[in-house]
Amino acid sequence: MDLLSSAPTNNPTSSALTISTSTTNGSGTNSNSAAIVTSPSRYENQKRRDWNTFCQYLRNHRPPLSLPMCSGAHVLEFLRYLDQFGKTKIHNHGCPFFGMPNPPAPCPCPLRQAWGSLDALIGRLRAAYEEHGGRPEANPFGARAVRLYLREVRDFQSKARGVSYDKKRKRPKARPTPTPTSTTTTTTSGTTSSATLS
């Protein structure tokens, strides 16, 4: 089965959902008509664009590839192809700024796709593959080679740019302590007085 034929069109309203409701009065004519249009989320729009980009890459591949023929190796080729459009400076081992989070001067090191962008892209393409009829067990975006590549990119970029990608621990929520505004005390004379605490 060629899954490319099921790729969505570029029509931005193709995935919008329209629901019409109408009621009839005693004479059989419509008395009320309402239409609810929900536009796709930002995530869905980005997923559709990523899917179309990948399908275009397969069509331009030499020789052209159909989606069922696509493997994890082809996904890795696609990710390396995307590096030319990256905007993140990744320092080489020989660069004097290797490992510096904020280098003081420019250097000739290449711009590449950031690890976080690639990781999010693979997640969207993995979901899109299955939405277009692909079997989860044959999903090339979930291949072990792709996971290892992403891990290598993350580790190298964290060293090259001096950025830590360790997950931050969630701080426990501080419990609010009630602050009394006033207390009532009894004096030796038997009268009561009110004192305000600060």
N, C-alpha and C. Protein backbone atom coordinates (compact mmCIF):
# COMPACT_ATOMS: atom_id res chain seq x y z
N MET A 1 0.84 -1.18 0.00
CA MET A 1 0.00 0.00 0.00
C MET A 1 0.88 1.23 0.00
N ASP A 2 0.66 2.12 -0.92
CA ASP A 2 1.42 3.34 -0.98
C ASP A 2 0.74 4.38 -0.11
N LEU A 3 1.41 4.75 0.98
CA LEU A 3 0.80 5.66 1.93
C LEU A 3 0.92 7.10 1.49
N LEU A 4 1.72 7.38 0.46
CA LEU A 4 1.86 8.75 0.01
C LEU A 4 0.57 9.28 -0.58
N SER A 5 -0.22 8.40 -1.16
CA SER A 5 -1.45 8.85 -1.79
C SER A 5 -2.44 9.42 -0.79
N SER A 6 -2.25 9.06 0.48
CA SER A 6 -3.18 9.55 1.49
C SER A 6 -2.69 10.81 2.19
N ALA A 7 -1.60 11.42 1.67
CA ALA A 7 -1.09 12.64 2.29
C ALA A 7 -2.12 13.75 2.11
N PRO A 8 -2.31 14.57 3.13
CA PRO A 8 -3.32 15.62 3.04
C PRO A 8 -2.93 16.69 2.05
N THR A 9 -3.90 17.39 1.54
CA THR A 9 -3.64 18.47 0.60
C THR A 9 -3.19 19.70 1.37
N ASN A 10 -2.78 20.73 0.61
CA ASN A 10 -2.32 21.95 1.25
C ASN A 10 -3.46 22.88 1.60
N ASN A 11 -4.68 22.43 1.42
CA ASN A 11 -5.83 23.25 1.75
C ASN A 11 -5.92 23.40 3.27
N PRO A 12 -5.75 24.64 3.80
CA PRO A 12 -5.72 24.77 5.26
C PRO A 12 -7.04 24.45 5.93
N THR A 13 -8.12 24.41 5.17
CA THR A 13 -9.41 24.12 5.79
C THR A 13 -9.79 22.66 5.65
N SER A 14 -8.86 21.83 5.10
CA SER A 14 -9.23 20.45 4.84
C SER A 14 -9.47 19.67 6.12
N SER A 15 -8.80 20.06 7.21
CA SER A 15 -8.99 19.31 8.44
C SER A 15 -9.92 20.02 9.41
N ALA A 16 -10.55 21.08 8.96
CA ALA A 16 -11.49 21.77 9.85
C ALA A 16 -12.79 20.97 9.91
N LEU A 17 -13.40 21.01 11.05
CA LEU A 17 -14.63 20.27 11.28
C LEU A 17 -15.79 21.24 11.30
N THR A 18 -16.78 20.98 10.48
CA THR A 18 -17.96 21.83 10.44
C THR A 18 -19.16 21.02 10.87
N ILE A 19 -19.89 21.53 11.85
CA ILE A 19 -21.08 20.86 12.34
C ILE A 19 -22.24 21.81 12.17
N SER A 20 -23.26 21.37 11.47
CA SER A 20 -24.44 22.20 11.28
C SER A 20 -25.60 21.59 12.03
N THR A 21 -26.35 22.44 12.72
CA THR A 21 -27.55 21.98 13.42
C THR A 21 -28.70 22.85 12.98
N SER A 22 -29.82 22.23 12.81
CA SER A 22 -31.00 23.01 12.42
C SER A 22 -32.23 22.39 13.06
N THR A 23 -33.20 23.23 13.28
CA THR A 23 -34.47 22.76 13.83
C THR A 23 -35.58 23.19 12.88
N THR A 24 -36.66 22.47 12.91
CA THR A 24 -37.79 22.81 12.04
C THR A 24 -38.96 23.24 12.90
N ASN A 25 -39.70 24.20 12.38
CA ASN A 25 -40.91 24.62 13.09
C ASN A 25 -42.09 23.82 12.56
N GLY A 26 -43.26 24.16 12.95
CA GLY A 26 -44.45 23.39 12.57
C GLY A 26 -44.68 23.36 11.07
N SER A 27 -44.26 24.38 10.34
CA SER A 27 -44.51 24.40 8.90
C SER A 27 -43.46 23.63 8.11
N GLY A 28 -42.43 23.08 8.81
CA GLY A 28 -41.43 22.27 8.13
C GLY A 28 -40.25 23.09 7.62
N THR A 29 -40.19 24.39 7.93
CA THR A 29 -39.06 25.21 7.48
C THR A 29 -38.04 25.35 8.60
N ASN A 30 -36.79 25.61 8.23
CA ASN A 30 -35.73 25.77 9.21
C ASN A 30 -35.92 27.08 9.95
N SER A 31 -35.91 27.00 11.27
CA SER A 31 -36.07 28.22 12.07
C SER A 31 -34.75 28.67 12.67
N ASN A 32 -33.78 27.76 12.79
CA ASN A 32 -32.51 28.12 13.41
C ASN A 32 -31.41 27.28 12.78
N SER A 33 -30.34 27.89 12.38
CA SER A 33 -29.21 27.16 11.81
C SER A 33 -27.94 27.70 12.42
N ALA A 34 -27.11 26.80 12.95
CA ALA A 34 -25.85 27.21 13.56
C ALA A 34 -24.73 26.34 13.02
N ALA A 35 -23.58 26.94 12.78
CA ALA A 35 -22.42 26.19 12.29
C ALA A 35 -21.27 26.40 13.26
N ILE A 36 -20.66 25.29 13.67
CA ILE A 36 -19.51 25.35 14.56
C ILE A 36 -18.30 24.91 13.75
N VAL A 37 -17.33 25.79 13.61
CA VAL A 37 -16.12 25.47 12.86
C VAL A 37 -14.94 25.48 13.82
N THR A 38 -14.27 24.34 13.92
CA THR A 38 -13.08 24.26 14.76
C THR A 38 -11.87 24.17 13.86
N SER A 39 -10.94 25.07 14.03
CA SER A 39 -9.72 25.04 13.21
C SER A 39 -8.71 24.12 13.86
N PRO A 40 -7.82 23.51 13.08
CA PRO A 40 -6.83 22.60 13.65
C PRO A 40 -5.87 23.35 14.58
N SER A 41 -5.35 22.63 15.55
CA SER A 41 -4.43 23.23 16.51
C SER A 41 -3.09 23.53 15.85
N ARG A 42 -2.28 24.29 16.57
CA ARG A 42 -0.94 24.60 16.06
C ARG A 42 -0.13 23.33 15.86
N TYR A 43 -0.26 22.39 16.79
CA TYR A 43 0.45 21.11 16.69
C TYR A 43 0.02 20.35 15.44
N GLU A 44 -1.30 20.30 15.17
CA GLU A 44 -1.81 19.59 14.00
C GLU A 44 -1.32 20.25 12.70
N ASN A 45 -1.30 21.58 12.67
CA ASN A 45 -0.80 22.27 11.48
C ASN A 45 0.67 21.97 11.25
N GLN A 46 1.46 22.00 12.33
CA GLN A 46 2.89 21.73 12.20
C GLN A 46 3.12 20.28 11.78
N LYS A 47 2.33 19.37 12.32
CA LYS A 47 2.46 17.95 11.96
C LYS A 47 2.15 17.74 10.49
N ARG A 48 1.11 18.42 9.99
CA ARG A 48 0.77 18.30 8.57
C ARG A 48 1.89 18.85 7.69
N ARG A 49 2.46 20.00 8.08
CA ARG A 49 3.56 20.58 7.29
C ARG A 49 4.78 19.67 7.29
N ASP A 50 5.11 19.10 8.46
CA ASP A 50 6.26 18.19 8.56
C ASP A 50 6.04 16.95 7.70
N TRP A 51 4.82 16.42 7.72
CA TRP A 51 4.51 15.24 6.93
C TRP A 51 4.64 15.53 5.44
N ASN A 52 4.12 16.68 5.01
CA ASN A 52 4.23 17.05 3.59
C ASN A 52 5.68 17.24 3.18
N THR A 53 6.49 17.82 4.07
CA THR A 53 7.92 18.02 3.78
C THR A 53 8.62 16.68 3.63
N PHE A 54 8.31 15.74 4.52
CA PHE A 54 8.96 14.42 4.43
C PHE A 54 8.52 13.69 3.16
N CYS A 55 7.24 13.76 2.83
CA CYS A 55 6.76 13.10 1.61
C CYS A 55 7.39 13.72 0.37
N GLN A 56 7.58 15.03 0.38
CA GLN A 56 8.26 15.71 -0.73
C GLN A 56 9.71 15.24 -0.83
N TYR A 57 10.36 15.07 0.31
CA TYR A 57 11.74 14.57 0.34
C TYR A 57 11.82 13.18 -0.29
N LEU A 58 10.84 12.32 0.02
CA LEU A 58 10.84 10.97 -0.56
C LEU A 58 10.63 11.02 -2.06
N ARG A 59 9.77 11.92 -2.53
CA ARG A 59 9.53 12.03 -3.97
C ARG A 59 10.76 12.55 -4.71
N ASN A 60 11.53 13.43 -4.06
CA ASN A 60 12.73 13.99 -4.69
C ASN A 60 13.96 13.12 -4.51
N HIS A 61 13.84 12.07 -3.73
CA HIS A 61 14.96 11.17 -3.47
C HIS A 61 15.37 10.49 -4.78
N ARG A 62 16.65 10.20 -4.91
CA ARG A 62 17.14 9.48 -6.09
C ARG A 62 17.66 8.12 -5.68
N PRO A 63 16.97 7.04 -6.07
CA PRO A 63 15.70 6.98 -6.78
C PRO A 63 14.55 7.36 -5.84
N PRO A 64 13.40 7.77 -6.41
CA PRO A 64 12.26 8.12 -5.56
C PRO A 64 11.84 6.95 -4.68
N LEU A 65 11.38 7.26 -3.48
CA LEU A 65 10.99 6.24 -2.52
C LEU A 65 9.51 6.32 -2.22
N SER A 66 8.90 5.17 -2.05
CA SER A 66 7.53 5.15 -1.53
C SER A 66 7.63 4.95 -0.03
N LEU A 67 6.62 5.34 0.70
CA LEU A 67 6.66 5.27 2.15
C LEU A 67 6.86 3.85 2.69
N PRO A 68 6.23 2.83 2.11
CA PRO A 68 6.47 1.47 2.63
C PRO A 68 7.92 1.02 2.49
N MET A 69 8.66 1.61 1.54
CA MET A 69 10.08 1.26 1.37
C MET A 69 10.98 2.03 2.32
N CYS A 70 10.43 3.01 3.00
CA CYS A 70 11.23 3.89 3.86
C CYS A 70 11.65 3.15 5.12
N SER A 71 12.92 3.33 5.50
CA SER A 71 13.45 2.68 6.70
C SER A 71 14.05 3.74 7.63
N GLY A 72 14.55 3.30 8.75
CA GLY A 72 15.20 4.22 9.67
C GLY A 72 16.40 4.91 9.05
N ALA A 73 17.09 4.21 8.13
CA ALA A 73 18.24 4.82 7.45
C ALA A 73 17.81 6.02 6.60
N HIS A 74 16.65 5.92 5.97
CA HIS A 74 16.15 7.04 5.17
C HIS A 74 15.73 8.21 6.07
N VAL A 75 15.21 7.90 7.25
CA VAL A 75 14.86 8.95 8.20
C VAL A 75 16.13 9.69 8.63
N LEU A 76 17.22 8.94 8.86
CA LEU A 76 18.49 9.57 9.24
C LEU A 76 19.01 10.46 8.12
N GLU A 77 18.87 10.02 6.86
CA GLU A 77 19.26 10.87 5.72
C GLU A 77 18.47 12.17 5.73
N PHE A 78 17.17 12.06 6.02
CA PHE A 78 16.30 13.23 6.06
C PHE A 78 16.74 14.20 7.16
N LEU A 79 17.07 13.67 8.33
CA LEU A 79 17.50 14.54 9.44
C LEU A 79 18.81 15.24 9.11
N ARG A 80 19.73 14.53 8.45
CA ARG A 80 21.01 15.16 8.06
C ARG A 80 20.79 16.20 6.97
N TYR A 81 19.83 15.94 6.09
CA TYR A 81 19.46 16.92 5.05
C TYR A 81 18.94 18.20 5.69
N LEU A 82 18.17 18.06 6.75
CA LEU A 82 17.58 19.24 7.41
C LEU A 82 18.63 20.11 8.09
N ASP A 83 19.81 19.55 8.38
CA ASP A 83 20.84 20.32 9.08
C ASP A 83 21.23 21.59 8.32
N GLN A 84 21.14 21.55 6.99
CA GLN A 84 21.53 22.73 6.21
C GLN A 84 20.61 23.92 6.47
N PHE A 85 19.43 23.67 7.03
CA PHE A 85 18.49 24.75 7.33
C PHE A 85 18.50 25.13 8.81
N GLY A 86 19.45 24.57 9.57
CA GLY A 86 19.50 24.81 11.01
C GLY A 86 19.93 26.23 11.35
N LYS A 87 19.62 26.63 12.57
CA LYS A 87 19.95 27.99 13.03
C LYS A 87 20.73 27.97 14.34
N THR A 88 21.16 26.78 14.77
CA THR A 88 21.86 26.65 16.05
C THR A 88 23.35 26.40 15.80
N LYS A 89 24.18 27.26 16.36
CA LYS A 89 25.64 27.12 16.21
C LYS A 89 26.12 25.94 17.03
N ILE A 90 26.76 24.98 16.33
CA ILE A 90 27.32 23.81 17.00
C ILE A 90 28.83 23.83 16.79
N HIS A 91 29.59 24.00 17.88
CA HIS A 91 31.04 24.13 17.78
C HIS A 91 31.70 22.78 17.54
N ASN A 92 32.73 22.78 16.67
CA ASN A 92 33.52 21.58 16.40
C ASN A 92 34.49 21.35 17.56
N HIS A 93 35.07 20.15 17.61
CA HIS A 93 36.00 19.81 18.70
C HIS A 93 37.19 20.76 18.74
N GLY A 94 37.67 21.18 17.58
CA GLY A 94 38.85 22.04 17.54
C GLY A 94 38.57 23.51 17.78
N CYS A 95 37.33 23.88 17.92
CA CYS A 95 36.96 25.28 18.10
C CYS A 95 37.33 25.74 19.51
N PRO A 96 37.93 26.95 19.63
CA PRO A 96 38.26 27.44 20.99
C PRO A 96 37.04 27.69 21.86
N PHE A 97 35.86 27.78 21.24
CA PHE A 97 34.64 28.03 22.01
C PHE A 97 33.86 26.75 22.31
N PHE A 98 34.46 25.59 22.01
CA PHE A 98 33.80 24.32 22.27
C PHE A 98 33.47 24.22 23.76
N GLY A 99 32.21 23.99 24.07
CA GLY A 99 31.77 23.84 25.46
C GLY A 99 31.44 25.14 26.16
N MET A 100 31.50 26.26 25.44
CA MET A 100 31.17 27.55 26.05
C MET A 100 29.72 27.90 25.73
N PRO A 101 28.87 28.10 26.73
CA PRO A 101 27.47 28.41 26.45
C PRO A 101 27.27 29.75 25.75
N ASN A 102 28.13 30.74 26.05
CA ASN A 102 28.01 32.06 25.43
C ASN A 102 29.37 32.50 24.90
N PRO A 103 29.74 32.07 23.68
CA PRO A 103 31.06 32.44 23.16
C PRO A 103 31.20 33.94 22.97
N PRO A 104 32.40 34.49 23.23
CA PRO A 104 32.59 35.95 23.15
C PRO A 104 32.76 36.49 21.74
N ALA A 105 32.97 35.62 20.76
CA ALA A 105 33.22 36.09 19.39
C ALA A 105 32.65 35.08 18.40
N PRO A 106 32.45 35.50 17.15
CA PRO A 106 31.96 34.55 16.14
C PRO A 106 33.03 33.53 15.76
N CYS A 107 32.58 32.41 15.21
CA CYS A 107 33.51 31.37 14.77
C CYS A 107 32.93 30.72 13.51
N PRO A 108 33.75 29.98 12.74
CA PRO A 108 33.27 29.39 11.49
C PRO A 108 32.51 28.08 11.64
N CYS A 109 32.19 27.68 12.86
CA CYS A 109 31.49 26.41 13.06
C CYS A 109 30.10 26.46 12.40
N PRO A 110 29.60 25.30 11.97
CA PRO A 110 28.35 25.27 11.20
C PRO A 110 27.10 25.50 12.04
N LEU A 111 26.05 25.92 11.36
CA LEU A 111 24.73 25.99 11.97
C LEU A 111 24.03 24.66 11.70
N ARG A 112 23.37 24.14 12.70
CA ARG A 112 22.68 22.87 12.56
C ARG A 112 21.31 22.95 13.23
N GLN A 113 20.52 21.89 13.01
CA GLN A 113 19.24 21.79 13.72
C GLN A 113 19.52 21.47 15.18
N ALA A 114 18.83 22.13 16.06
CA ALA A 114 18.98 21.86 17.49
C ALA A 114 18.36 20.50 17.82
N TRP A 115 18.94 19.86 18.83
CA TRP A 115 18.43 18.53 19.22
C TRP A 115 16.96 18.57 19.58
N GLY A 116 16.54 19.58 20.31
CA GLY A 116 15.13 19.65 20.72
C GLY A 116 14.19 19.74 19.54
N SER A 117 14.60 20.45 18.49
CA SER A 117 13.77 20.57 17.29
C SER A 117 13.66 19.22 16.58
N LEU A 118 14.78 18.50 16.48
CA LEU A 118 14.76 17.19 15.83
C LEU A 118 13.92 16.19 16.62
N ASP A 119 14.04 16.24 17.93
CA ASP A 119 13.28 15.32 18.77
C ASP A 119 11.78 15.55 18.62
N ALA A 120 11.37 16.82 18.62
CA ALA A 120 9.95 17.15 18.44
C ALA A 120 9.47 16.77 17.05
N LEU A 121 10.31 17.00 16.04
CA LEU A 121 9.97 16.65 14.65
C LEU A 121 9.71 15.15 14.51
N ILE A 122 10.59 14.34 15.08
CA ILE A 122 10.42 12.89 14.99
C ILE A 122 9.14 12.46 15.70
N GLY A 123 8.82 13.08 16.80
CA GLY A 123 7.58 12.75 17.50
C GLY A 123 6.36 13.04 16.64
N ARG A 124 6.36 14.19 15.95
CA ARG A 124 5.22 14.53 15.09
C ARG A 124 5.14 13.59 13.89
N LEU A 125 6.28 13.28 13.28
CA LEU A 125 6.27 12.40 12.10
C LEU A 125 5.90 10.96 12.48
N ARG A 126 6.29 10.56 13.65
CA ARG A 126 5.92 9.21 14.11
C ARG A 126 4.40 9.10 14.24
N ALA A 127 3.78 10.15 14.81
CA ALA A 127 2.32 10.15 14.94
C ALA A 127 1.65 10.25 13.58
N ALA A 128 2.18 11.08 12.68
CA ALA A 128 1.59 11.26 11.36
C ALA A 128 1.66 9.97 10.54
N TYR A 129 2.74 9.23 10.67
CA TYR A 129 2.89 7.97 9.94
C TYR A 129 1.75 7.01 10.27
N GLU A 130 1.44 6.89 11.54
CA GLU A 130 0.38 5.97 11.96
C GLU A 130 -1.00 6.51 11.59
N GLU A 131 -1.16 7.84 11.59
CA GLU A 131 -2.43 8.42 11.18
C GLU A 131 -2.71 8.21 9.69
N HIS A 132 -1.66 8.03 8.91
CA HIS A 132 -1.81 7.82 7.47
C HIS A 132 -1.78 6.33 7.11
N GLY A 133 -2.07 5.48 8.07
CA GLY A 133 -2.24 4.06 7.77
C GLY A 133 -1.03 3.19 8.01
N GLY A 134 0.06 3.75 8.49
CA GLY A 134 1.24 2.93 8.75
C GLY A 134 1.09 2.08 9.99
N ARG A 135 1.71 0.90 9.98
CA ARG A 135 1.66 0.01 11.13
C ARG A 135 2.67 0.47 12.18
N PRO A 136 2.29 0.52 13.45
CA PRO A 136 3.22 0.98 14.49
C PRO A 136 4.51 0.18 14.53
N GLU A 137 4.42 -1.14 14.30
CA GLU A 137 5.64 -1.96 14.38
C GLU A 137 6.59 -1.72 13.21
N ALA A 138 6.08 -1.10 12.12
CA ALA A 138 6.92 -0.81 10.96
C ALA A 138 7.25 0.67 10.85
N ASN A 139 6.98 1.44 11.89
CA ASN A 139 7.18 2.88 11.85
C ASN A 139 8.67 3.21 11.80
N PRO A 140 9.16 3.78 10.66
CA PRO A 140 10.60 4.07 10.55
C PRO A 140 11.05 5.17 11.50
N PHE A 141 10.12 6.02 11.95
CA PHE A 141 10.49 7.11 12.86
C PHE A 141 10.72 6.62 14.29
N GLY A 142 10.28 5.40 14.57
CA GLY A 142 10.51 4.81 15.88
C GLY A 142 11.63 3.79 15.87
N ALA A 143 12.39 3.73 14.77
CA ALA A 143 13.47 2.75 14.64
C ALA A 143 14.56 3.01 15.68
N ARG A 144 15.22 1.94 16.07
CA ARG A 144 16.28 2.05 17.08
C ARG A 144 17.40 2.97 16.61
N ALA A 145 17.74 2.89 15.31
CA ALA A 145 18.81 3.74 14.77
C ALA A 145 18.48 5.22 14.93
N VAL A 146 17.21 5.57 14.77
CA VAL A 146 16.79 6.97 14.91
C VAL A 146 16.91 7.40 16.37
N ARG A 147 16.49 6.55 17.29
CA ARG A 147 16.60 6.88 18.72
C ARG A 147 18.06 7.07 19.13
N LEU A 148 18.94 6.19 18.63
CA LEU A 148 20.37 6.30 18.95
C LEU A 148 20.96 7.57 18.36
N TYR A 149 20.55 7.91 17.14
CA TYR A 149 21.05 9.13 16.50
C TYR A 149 20.65 10.36 17.31
N LEU A 150 19.40 10.42 17.73
CA LEU A 150 18.94 11.56 18.51
C LEU A 150 19.70 11.66 19.84
N ARG A 151 19.99 10.52 20.44
CA ARG A 151 20.74 10.54 21.69
C ARG A 151 22.16 11.05 21.46
N GLU A 152 22.79 10.62 20.35
CA GLU A 152 24.14 11.09 20.04
C GLU A 152 24.16 12.59 19.76
N VAL A 153 23.15 13.07 19.02
CA VAL A 153 23.06 14.51 18.74
C VAL A 153 22.89 15.29 20.03
N ARG A 154 22.04 14.80 20.91
CA ARG A 154 21.82 15.48 22.19
C ARG A 154 23.11 15.55 23.01
N ASP A 155 23.81 14.42 23.11
CA ASP A 155 25.03 14.37 23.91
C ASP A 155 26.12 15.27 23.32
N PHE A 156 26.29 15.22 21.99
CA PHE A 156 27.33 16.04 21.38
C PHE A 156 27.00 17.52 21.50
N GLN A 157 25.74 17.88 21.25
CA GLN A 157 25.38 19.30 21.32
C GLN A 157 25.49 19.83 22.75
N SER A 158 25.19 18.99 23.73
CA SER A 158 25.31 19.46 25.12
C SER A 158 26.78 19.74 25.46
N LYS A 159 27.71 18.94 24.92
CA LYS A 159 29.13 19.18 25.16
C LYS A 159 29.63 20.37 24.34
N ALA A 160 29.24 20.42 23.07
CA ALA A 160 29.75 21.46 22.18
C ALA A 160 29.30 22.85 22.60
N ARG A 161 28.08 22.95 23.09
CA ARG A 161 27.52 24.26 23.44
C ARG A 161 27.53 24.53 24.93
N GLY A 162 28.01 23.57 25.71
CA GLY A 162 28.03 23.76 27.15
C GLY A 162 26.65 23.86 27.76
N VAL A 163 25.70 23.15 27.17
CA VAL A 163 24.32 23.19 27.64
C VAL A 163 23.97 21.85 28.26
N SER A 164 23.39 21.87 29.44
CA SER A 164 22.98 20.64 30.09
C SER A 164 21.54 20.32 29.71
N TYR A 165 21.32 19.07 29.28
CA TYR A 165 19.97 18.65 28.93
C TYR A 165 19.36 17.75 30.00
N ASP A 166 19.95 17.76 31.20
CA ASP A 166 19.38 16.94 32.27
C ASP A 166 18.01 17.47 32.63
N LYS A 167 17.13 16.56 32.93
CA LYS A 167 15.77 16.97 33.31
C LYS A 167 15.83 17.66 34.67
N LYS A 168 15.14 18.77 34.75
CA LYS A 168 15.09 19.50 36.00
C LYS A 168 14.06 18.85 36.92
N ARG A 169 14.42 18.75 38.18
CA ARG A 169 13.48 18.20 39.15
C ARG A 169 12.41 19.23 39.44
N LYS A 170 11.21 18.75 39.58
CA LYS A 170 10.12 19.65 39.94
C LYS A 170 10.25 20.01 41.41
N ARG A 171 10.15 21.29 41.67
CA ARG A 171 10.20 21.73 43.06
C ARG A 171 8.90 21.35 43.75
N PRO A 172 9.00 20.87 44.97
CA PRO A 172 7.75 20.58 45.70
C PRO A 172 7.04 21.90 45.99
N LYS A 173 5.74 21.85 45.87
CA LYS A 173 4.95 23.05 46.12
C LYS A 173 5.02 23.41 47.60
N ALA A 174 5.35 24.67 47.85
CA ALA A 174 5.42 25.14 49.24
C ALA A 174 4.01 25.27 49.79
N ARG A 175 3.82 24.75 50.97
CA ARG A 175 2.50 24.84 51.59
C ARG A 175 2.34 26.23 52.20
N PRO A 176 1.27 26.89 51.85
CA PRO A 176 1.07 28.22 52.45
C PRO A 176 0.76 28.09 53.94
N THR A 177 1.47 28.90 54.73
CA THR A 177 1.23 28.86 56.17
C THR A 177 0.28 29.99 56.52
N PRO A 178 -0.74 29.68 57.28
CA PRO A 178 -1.69 30.74 57.66
C PRO A 178 -1.01 31.74 58.57
N THR A 179 -1.24 33.01 58.30
CA THR A 179 -0.68 34.06 59.14
C THR A 179 -1.80 34.72 59.91
N PRO A 180 -1.78 34.57 61.20
CA PRO A 180 -2.85 35.20 62.00
C PRO A 180 -2.71 36.71 61.95
N THR A 181 -3.83 37.39 61.85
CA THR A 181 -3.80 38.85 61.77
C THR A 181 -3.95 39.49 63.14
N SER A 182 -4.62 38.80 64.02
CA SER A 182 -4.77 39.41 65.34
C SER A 182 -4.97 38.33 66.38
N THR A 183 -4.57 38.64 67.60
CA THR A 183 -4.79 37.73 68.72
C THR A 183 -5.43 38.54 69.84
N THR A 184 -6.14 37.83 70.67
CA THR A 184 -6.79 38.49 71.82
C THR A 184 -6.10 38.04 73.09
N THR A 185 -5.66 39.00 73.88
CA THR A 185 -4.98 38.67 75.13
C THR A 185 -5.74 39.30 76.29
N THR A 186 -5.60 38.68 77.45
CA THR A 186 -6.26 39.19 78.65
C THR A 186 -5.21 39.80 79.56
N THR A 187 -5.41 41.00 79.98
CA THR A 187 -4.46 41.65 80.88
C THR A 187 -4.80 41.29 82.32
N THR A 188 -3.90 41.64 83.21
CA THR A 188 -4.10 41.30 84.61
C THR A 188 -5.28 42.04 85.21
N SER A 189 -5.67 43.12 84.55
CA SER A 189 -6.79 43.87 85.11
C SER A 189 -8.13 43.30 84.68
N GLY A 190 -8.10 42.24 83.82
CA GLY A 190 -9.35 41.62 83.42
C GLY A 190 -9.93 42.17 82.13
N THR A 191 -9.31 43.20 81.53
CA THR A 191 -9.78 43.73 80.26
C THR A 191 -9.06 43.04 79.12
N THR A 192 -9.68 43.01 77.96
CA THR A 192 -9.06 42.37 76.80
C THR A 192 -8.51 43.43 75.87
N SER A 193 -7.39 43.08 75.24
CA SER A 193 -6.80 43.99 74.25
C SER A 193 -6.45 43.19 73.01
N SER A 194 -6.41 43.84 71.89
CA SER A 194 -6.13 43.18 70.62
C SER A 194 -4.76 43.63 70.13
N ALA A 195 -3.93 42.65 69.76
CA ALA A 195 -2.60 42.96 69.22
C ALA A 195 -2.49 42.41 67.81
N THR A 196 -1.90 43.16 66.94
CA THR A 196 -1.71 42.70 65.56
C THR A 196 -0.31 42.14 65.37
N LEU A 197 -0.20 40.95 64.79
CA LEU A 197 1.10 40.33 64.53
C LEU A 197 1.58 40.75 63.15
N SER A 198 2.86 40.94 63.03
CA SER A 198 3.41 41.30 61.72
C SER A 198 4.25 40.18 61.20
